[in-house]
Each structure stands twice: as structure tokens, then as C-alpha cells.
């Protein structure tokens, strides 16, 4: 007799946090700003579409949400994991630039 698996499906939206690879927008901008501050790079930040809007969460919150789904969610259902607030990529860049020293 086979065992029944209690599977909960999740859809995590964009997330960011410590040690994220620079192929992701927040990490890419952060690395470029840090390199400019250290004098390793000219003060030019390479960007893509600044008008695109994304829902960002901290990766630590995403992990906590995954854990909570195992405690409180119904197997077989689908759950979106997100902050519920959208930011344009330009807003993300502006936030990071506001923290920059140069």
C-alpha cells in the first residue's frame, strides 16, 4: 500500500537577501554601488527596464513562510508567498542609491 504525501504548493514572488548572486537585480545594483564606492568602477550603473514592477520579500521571510505553510496550510492547495506591495525597479535603485556614500 502506497503512502499519501501531504504536498503544499507555493509560489514565491521575487525575494532578496544576504549572499544573493548578482544575476538578481538588487544584488547587481548593490554590487555595482559598492564597486563605485571603492573606486573599482566608474560611477555608471548598468540597468534594465526601470519601469518594471515587482513584489520583493526578504529571503528570510520567504523561508519562514515556507515553514508556516507546513504548519497551517491545506495539502493540495496553492499559496502565493509575497509582500503584497509592488516596487518599480527604479524605486529599488533609488532606495539603494540613498544608502550610497558617493
C-alpha atoms as a PDB file:
ATOM      1  CA  UNK A   1       0.000   0.000   0.000  1.00  0.00           C
ATOM      2  CA  UNK A   2       1.460   3.401  -1.019  1.00  0.00           C
ATOM      3  CA  UNK A   3       1.816   6.293   1.366  1.00  0.00           C
ATOM      4  CA  UNK A   4      -0.117   9.526   0.910  1.00  0.00           C
ATOM      5  CA  UNK A   5       2.067  12.623   0.566  1.00  0.00           C
ATOM      6  CA  UNK A   6       0.801  15.901   2.044  1.00  0.00           C
ATOM      7  CA  UNK A   7       2.012  18.282  -0.641  1.00  0.00           C
ATOM      8  CA  UNK A   8       1.560  22.023  -0.314  1.00  0.00           C
ATOM      9  CA  UNK A   9       2.318  24.057  -3.412  1.00  0.00           C
ATOM     10  CA  UNK A  10       3.823  27.522  -3.051  1.00  0.00           C
ATOM     11  CA  UNK A  11       4.636  30.308  -5.470  1.00  0.00           C
ATOM     12  CA  UNK A  12       7.245  32.634  -4.031  1.00  0.00           C
ATOM     13  CA  UNK A  13       7.490  36.021  -5.675  1.00  0.00           C
ATOM     14  CA  UNK A  14      10.802  37.883  -6.054  1.00  0.00           C
ATOM     15  CA  UNK A  15      12.972  37.814  -2.981  1.00  0.00           C
ATOM     16  CA  UNK A  16      16.298  39.233  -1.987  1.00  0.00           C
ATOM     17  CA  UNK A  17      18.722  38.969   0.881  1.00  0.00           C
ATOM     18  CA  UNK A  18      22.244  38.213   2.058  1.00  0.00           C
ATOM     19  CA  UNK A  19      24.600  36.360  -0.279  1.00  0.00           C
ATOM     20  CA  UNK A  20      22.289  36.593  -3.267  1.00  0.00           C
ATOM     21  CA  UNK A  21      24.066  36.195  -6.604  1.00  0.00           C
ATOM     22  CA  UNK A  22      24.490  39.323  -8.688  1.00  0.00           C
ATOM     23  CA  UNK A  23      22.360  37.941 -11.520  1.00  0.00           C
ATOM     24  CA  UNK A  24      19.432  39.272  -9.458  1.00  0.00           C
ATOM     25  CA  UNK A  25      18.569  42.954  -9.670  1.00  0.00           C
ATOM     26  CA  UNK A  26      19.015  44.012  -6.014  1.00  0.00           C
ATOM     27  CA  UNK A  27      22.330  42.208  -5.665  1.00  0.00           C
ATOM     28  CA  UNK A  28      23.519  43.535  -9.023  1.00  0.00           C
ATOM     29  CA  UNK A  29      22.742  47.136  -8.097  1.00  0.00           C
ATOM     30  CA  UNK A  30      24.279  46.680  -4.644  1.00  0.00           C
ATOM     31  CA  UNK A  31      27.481  45.230  -6.057  1.00  0.00           C
ATOM     32  CA  UNK A  32      27.797  47.976  -8.641  1.00  0.00           C
ATOM     33  CA  UNK A  33      27.295  50.665  -5.986  1.00  0.00           C
ATOM     34  CA  UNK A  34      29.859  49.018  -3.673  1.00  0.00           C
ATOM     35  CA  UNK A  35      32.402  48.828  -6.508  1.00  0.00           C
ATOM     36  CA  UNK A  36      31.838  52.518  -7.314  1.00  0.00           C
ATOM     37  CA  UNK A  37      32.276  53.452  -3.631  1.00  0.00           C
ATOM     38  CA  UNK A  38      35.562  51.507  -3.501  1.00  0.00           C
ATOM     39  CA  UNK A  39      36.819  53.221  -6.656  1.00  0.00           C
ATOM     40  CA  UNK A  40      36.881  49.931  -8.562  1.00  0.00           C
ATOM     41  CA  UNK A  41      34.404  51.063 -11.185  1.00  0.00           C
ATOM     42  CA  UNK A  42      33.388  54.265 -12.930  1.00  0.00           C
ATOM     43  CA  UNK A  43      30.209  55.826 -11.494  1.00  0.00           C
ATOM     44  CA  UNK A  44      27.926  54.196 -14.038  1.00  0.00           C
ATOM     45  CA  UNK A  45      25.223  51.724 -13.016  1.00  0.00           C
ATOM     46  CA  UNK A  46      24.028  49.318 -15.664  1.00  0.00           C
ATOM     47  CA  UNK A  47      20.287  48.717 -15.544  1.00  0.00           C
ATOM     48  CA  UNK A  48      17.497  47.054 -17.446  1.00  0.00           C
ATOM     49  CA  UNK A  49      13.865  48.141 -17.554  1.00  0.00           C
ATOM     50  CA  UNK A  50      13.449  50.546 -14.640  1.00  0.00           C
ATOM     51  CA  UNK A  51       9.672  50.736 -15.098  1.00  0.00           C
ATOM     52  CA  UNK A  52       9.010  47.044 -14.408  1.00  0.00           C
ATOM     53  CA  UNK A  53       7.248  46.473 -11.075  1.00  0.00           C
ATOM     54  CA  UNK A  54       7.968  43.553  -8.798  1.00  0.00           C
ATOM     55  CA  UNK A  55       6.875  42.310  -5.391  1.00  0.00           C
ATOM     56  CA  UNK A  56      10.006  41.839  -3.261  1.00  0.00           C
ATOM     57  CA  UNK A  57      10.337  39.973   0.018  1.00  0.00           C
ATOM     58  CA  UNK A  58      13.325  39.272   2.208  1.00  0.00           C
ATOM     59  CA  UNK A  59      14.516  35.698   1.712  1.00  0.00           C
ATOM     60  CA  UNK A  60      14.340  35.114   5.484  1.00  0.00           C
ATOM     61  CA  UNK A  61      10.631  35.956   5.390  1.00  0.00           C
ATOM     62  CA  UNK A  62      10.146  33.560   2.467  1.00  0.00           C
ATOM     63  CA  UNK A  63      11.792  30.741   4.422  1.00  0.00           C
ATOM     64  CA  UNK A  64       9.577  31.498   7.421  1.00  0.00           C
ATOM     65  CA  UNK A  65       6.533  31.435   5.146  1.00  0.00           C
ATOM     66  CA  UNK A  66       7.575  28.033   3.785  1.00  0.00           C
ATOM     67  CA  UNK A  67       7.732  26.731   7.352  1.00  0.00           C
ATOM     68  CA  UNK A  68       4.344  28.229   8.202  1.00  0.00           C
ATOM     69  CA  UNK A  69       2.773  26.515   5.193  1.00  0.00           C
ATOM     70  CA  UNK A  70       3.784  23.161   6.650  1.00  0.00           C
ATOM     71  CA  UNK A  71       2.099  24.068   9.936  1.00  0.00           C
ATOM     72  CA  UNK A  72      -1.092  25.809   8.821  1.00  0.00           C
ATOM     73  CA  UNK A  73      -1.868  25.256   5.156  1.00  0.00           C
ATOM     74  CA  UNK A  74      -4.065  22.675   3.497  1.00  0.00           C
ATOM     75  CA  UNK A  75      -2.306  19.972   1.457  1.00  0.00           C
ATOM     76  CA  UNK A  76      -3.186  20.141  -2.218  1.00  0.00           C
ATOM     77  CA  UNK A  77      -3.800  23.890  -2.174  1.00  0.00           C
ATOM     78  CA  UNK A  78      -1.586  26.563  -3.759  1.00  0.00           C
ATOM     79  CA  UNK A  79      -0.258  29.511  -1.750  1.00  0.00           C
ATOM     80  CA  UNK A  80       1.349  32.700  -3.033  1.00  0.00           C
ATOM     81  CA  UNK A  81       4.200  33.953  -0.875  1.00  0.00           C
ATOM     82  CA  UNK A  82       4.732  37.652  -1.355  1.00  0.00           C
ATOM     83  CA  UNK A  83       4.710  41.017   0.386  1.00  0.00           C
ATOM     84  CA  UNK A  84       1.651  42.325  -1.425  1.00  0.00           C
ATOM     85  CA  UNK A  85       3.430  45.567  -2.358  1.00  0.00           C
ATOM     86  CA  UNK A  86       4.997  46.310  -5.713  1.00  0.00           C
ATOM     87  CA  UNK A  87       8.057  48.458  -6.350  1.00  0.00           C
ATOM     88  CA  UNK A  88       9.383  49.619  -9.681  1.00  0.00           C
ATOM     89  CA  UNK A  89      12.977  48.662 -10.362  1.00  0.00           C
ATOM     90  CA  UNK A  90      13.720  52.412 -10.361  1.00  0.00           C
ATOM     91  CA  UNK A  91      12.354  52.660  -6.797  1.00  0.00           C
ATOM     92  CA  UNK A  92      14.636  49.787  -5.745  1.00  0.00           C
ATOM     93  CA  UNK A  93      17.620  51.529  -7.330  1.00  0.00           C
ATOM     94  CA  UNK A  94      16.676  54.837  -5.673  1.00  0.00           C
ATOM     95  CA  UNK A  95      16.493  53.138  -2.241  1.00  0.00           C
ATOM     96  CA  UNK A  96      19.948  51.609  -2.720  1.00  0.00           C
ATOM     97  CA  UNK A  97      21.400  54.884  -4.012  1.00  0.00           C
ATOM     98  CA  UNK A  98      20.007  56.705  -0.978  1.00  0.00           C
ATOM     99  CA  UNK A  99      22.269  54.482   1.158  1.00  0.00           C
ATOM    100  CA  UNK A 100      25.338  55.092  -1.003  1.00  0.00           C
ATOM    101  CA  UNK A 101      28.208  57.270   0.162  1.00  0.00           C
ATOM    102  CA  UNK A 102      29.077  58.589  -3.310  1.00  0.00           C
END
